[in-house]
Each structure stands twice: as structure tokens, then as C-alpha cells.
């Protein structure tokens, strides 16, 4: 019987499809936890061949805005609204 691939390997293959990656990120946004969303974003970046350094550099640039992110998500939720991810024509 062949060995099954690890979850992370399967996830990387799954997230290479743009529509699946979009659904994955939108699901993470719906959770309302910026840290969870950043983890999902890291996974999508890895699936698209970005290095760990690339990902960490971008996340580190966020710094203080994370608090603002929480506040924005809270305000949107109070208004019955949410954010969504969609593909652009410049997808790499």
C-alpha cells in the first residue's frame, strides 16, 4: 500500500489552484482572526513557490497594523459586512 502524503504536502498541491486558494483565503477571513488569515496567506504563498523569507518579510512589514486589522474586522462585523478575496488579472 502506498504511503499517503503529509497534510501540508496535500495542502500545497490543493492551493496551487487559484479558485481553491481564493476559497481557502475567504474561509480564513470569515474566521475573523488576522493571525489565522496570515497563516492561510503564508500557505498560499508557499504553494505558489514563495520562499519562507519572502513570506516573513511581508508579514513583518505589517507590525502595528495588526491591531488596526482587528478593529476593521470588528467594525465590518458590527455592520453585517465582511471582506473577500478575489483573483486579479495580475496573478503570478
C-alpha atoms as a PDB file:
ATOM      1  CA  UNK A   1       0.000   0.000   0.000  1.00  0.00           C
ATOM      2  CA  UNK A   2       1.490   3.406  -0.974  1.00  0.00           C
ATOM      3  CA  UNK A   3       2.216   5.870   1.776  1.00  0.00           C
ATOM      4  CA  UNK A   4      -0.098   8.858   1.922  1.00  0.00           C
ATOM      5  CA  UNK A   5       1.435  12.292   1.624  1.00  0.00           C
ATOM      6  CA  UNK A   6       1.557  14.544   4.630  1.00  0.00           C
ATOM      7  CA  UNK A   7      -1.271  17.027   5.108  1.00  0.00           C
ATOM      8  CA  UNK A   8       0.973  20.003   4.348  1.00  0.00           C
ATOM      9  CA  UNK A   9       2.081  18.444   1.048  1.00  0.00           C
ATOM     10  CA  UNK A  10      -1.531  17.831   0.046  1.00  0.00           C
ATOM     11  CA  UNK A  11      -2.466  21.368   1.050  1.00  0.00           C
ATOM     12  CA  UNK A  12       0.316  22.813  -1.110  1.00  0.00           C
ATOM     13  CA  UNK A  13      -0.981  20.910  -4.145  1.00  0.00           C
ATOM     14  CA  UNK A  14      -4.571  21.927  -3.360  1.00  0.00           C
ATOM     15  CA  UNK A  15      -3.677  25.612  -3.030  1.00  0.00           C
ATOM     16  CA  UNK A  16      -1.901  25.766  -6.387  1.00  0.00           C
ATOM     17  CA  UNK A  17      -5.348  26.069  -7.958  1.00  0.00           C
ATOM     18  CA  UNK A  18      -6.368  29.753  -7.896  1.00  0.00           C
ATOM     19  CA  UNK A  19     -10.052  29.129  -7.185  1.00  0.00           C
ATOM     20  CA  UNK A  20      -9.229  26.810  -4.299  1.00  0.00           C
ATOM     21  CA  UNK A  21      -6.729  29.313  -2.897  1.00  0.00           C
ATOM     22  CA  UNK A  22      -9.361  32.056  -3.082  1.00  0.00           C
ATOM     23  CA  UNK A  23     -11.920  29.901  -1.274  1.00  0.00           C
ATOM     24  CA  UNK A  24      -9.304  28.962   1.345  1.00  0.00           C
ATOM     25  CA  UNK A  25      -8.409  32.618   1.986  1.00  0.00           C
ATOM     26  CA  UNK A  26     -12.042  33.702   2.120  1.00  0.00           C
ATOM     27  CA  UNK A  27     -12.715  30.941   4.644  1.00  0.00           C
ATOM     28  CA  UNK A  28      -9.810  32.213   6.732  1.00  0.00           C
ATOM     29  CA  UNK A  29     -11.163  35.772   6.516  1.00  0.00           C
ATOM     30  CA  UNK A  30     -14.557  34.589   7.739  1.00  0.00           C
ATOM     31  CA  UNK A  31     -12.914  33.308  10.921  1.00  0.00           C
ATOM     32  CA  UNK A  32     -12.203  36.937  11.845  1.00  0.00           C
ATOM     33  CA  UNK A  33      -8.751  36.190  13.249  1.00  0.00           C
ATOM     34  CA  UNK A  34      -5.933  38.080  11.493  1.00  0.00           C
ATOM     35  CA  UNK A  35      -3.314  35.611  12.736  1.00  0.00           C
ATOM     36  CA  UNK A  36      -5.292  32.742  11.221  1.00  0.00           C
ATOM     37  CA  UNK A  37      -5.634  34.683   7.967  1.00  0.00           C
ATOM     38  CA  UNK A  38      -1.882  35.351   7.877  1.00  0.00           C
ATOM     39  CA  UNK A  39      -1.223  31.628   8.336  1.00  0.00           C
ATOM     40  CA  UNK A  40      -3.542  30.900   5.419  1.00  0.00           C
ATOM     41  CA  UNK A  41      -1.820  33.586   3.355  1.00  0.00           C
ATOM     42  CA  UNK A  42       1.571  32.040   4.147  1.00  0.00           C
ATOM     43  CA  UNK A  43       0.275  28.673   2.978  1.00  0.00           C
ATOM     44  CA  UNK A  44      -0.948  30.141  -0.314  1.00  0.00           C
ATOM     45  CA  UNK A  45       2.367  31.939  -0.822  1.00  0.00           C
ATOM     46  CA  UNK A  46       4.285  28.693  -0.197  1.00  0.00           C
ATOM     47  CA  UNK A  47       2.024  26.828  -2.606  1.00  0.00           C
ATOM     48  CA  UNK A  48       2.895  29.439  -5.238  1.00  0.00           C
ATOM     49  CA  UNK A  49       6.606  28.911  -4.732  1.00  0.00           C
ATOM     50  CA  UNK A  50       7.418  31.863  -2.495  1.00  0.00           C
ATOM     51  CA  UNK A  51      10.231  31.344  -0.002  1.00  0.00           C
ATOM     52  CA  UNK A  52       9.856  31.463   3.754  1.00  0.00           C
ATOM     53  CA  UNK A  53      11.991  34.638   3.784  1.00  0.00           C
ATOM     54  CA  UNK A  54       9.656  36.304   1.263  1.00  0.00           C
ATOM     55  CA  UNK A  55       6.669  35.465   3.438  1.00  0.00           C
ATOM     56  CA  UNK A  56       8.267  36.503   6.735  1.00  0.00           C
ATOM     57  CA  UNK A  57       9.484  39.801   5.279  1.00  0.00           C
ATOM     58  CA  UNK A  58       5.978  40.695   4.139  1.00  0.00           C
ATOM     59  CA  UNK A  59       4.365  39.670   7.430  1.00  0.00           C
ATOM     60  CA  UNK A  60       6.971  41.565   9.483  1.00  0.00           C
ATOM     61  CA  UNK A  61       6.151  44.701   7.499  1.00  0.00           C
ATOM     62  CA  UNK A  62       2.621  44.578   8.950  1.00  0.00           C
ATOM     63  CA  UNK A  63       3.707  45.130  12.561  1.00  0.00           C
ATOM     64  CA  UNK A  64       1.320  47.583  14.282  1.00  0.00           C
ATOM     65  CA  UNK A  65      -1.349  47.466  11.571  1.00  0.00           C
ATOM     66  CA  UNK A  66      -2.434  44.098  13.004  1.00  0.00           C
ATOM     67  CA  UNK A  67      -4.337  45.943  15.756  1.00  0.00           C
ATOM     68  CA  UNK A  68      -5.984  48.079  13.098  1.00  0.00           C
ATOM     69  CA  UNK A  69      -6.858  44.880  11.211  1.00  0.00           C
ATOM     70  CA  UNK A  70      -8.684  43.543  14.272  1.00  0.00           C
ATOM     71  CA  UNK A  71     -10.541  46.837  14.604  1.00  0.00           C
ATOM     72  CA  UNK A  72     -11.527  46.867  10.923  1.00  0.00           C
ATOM     73  CA  UNK A  73     -12.816  43.294  11.049  1.00  0.00           C
ATOM     74  CA  UNK A  74     -14.777  44.099  14.203  1.00  0.00           C
ATOM     75  CA  UNK A  75     -16.347  47.179  12.649  1.00  0.00           C
ATOM     76  CA  UNK A  76     -17.276  45.310   9.470  1.00  0.00           C
ATOM     77  CA  UNK A  77     -18.834  42.521  11.524  1.00  0.00           C
ATOM     78  CA  UNK A  78     -20.907  45.030  13.514  1.00  0.00           C
ATOM     79  CA  UNK A  79     -22.161  46.436  10.207  1.00  0.00           C
ATOM     80  CA  UNK A  80     -23.036  42.997   8.909  1.00  0.00           C
ATOM     81  CA  UNK A  81     -20.227  43.156   6.342  1.00  0.00           C
ATOM     82  CA  UNK A  82     -17.072  41.203   5.587  1.00  0.00           C
ATOM     83  CA  UNK A  83     -14.003  41.247   3.371  1.00  0.00           C
ATOM     84  CA  UNK A  84     -13.480  38.890   0.441  1.00  0.00           C
ATOM     85  CA  UNK A  85     -10.518  37.755  -1.644  1.00  0.00           C
ATOM     86  CA  UNK A  86     -10.729  37.604  -5.433  1.00  0.00           C
ATOM     87  CA  UNK A  87      -8.241  36.941  -8.212  1.00  0.00           C
ATOM     88  CA  UNK A  88      -6.780  39.849 -10.156  1.00  0.00           C
ATOM     89  CA  UNK A  89      -5.632  39.807 -13.744  1.00  0.00           C
ATOM     90  CA  UNK A  90      -2.053  40.162 -12.499  1.00  0.00           C
ATOM     91  CA  UNK A  91      -1.929  36.826 -10.660  1.00  0.00           C
ATOM     92  CA  UNK A  92       1.556  35.357 -10.778  1.00  0.00           C
END
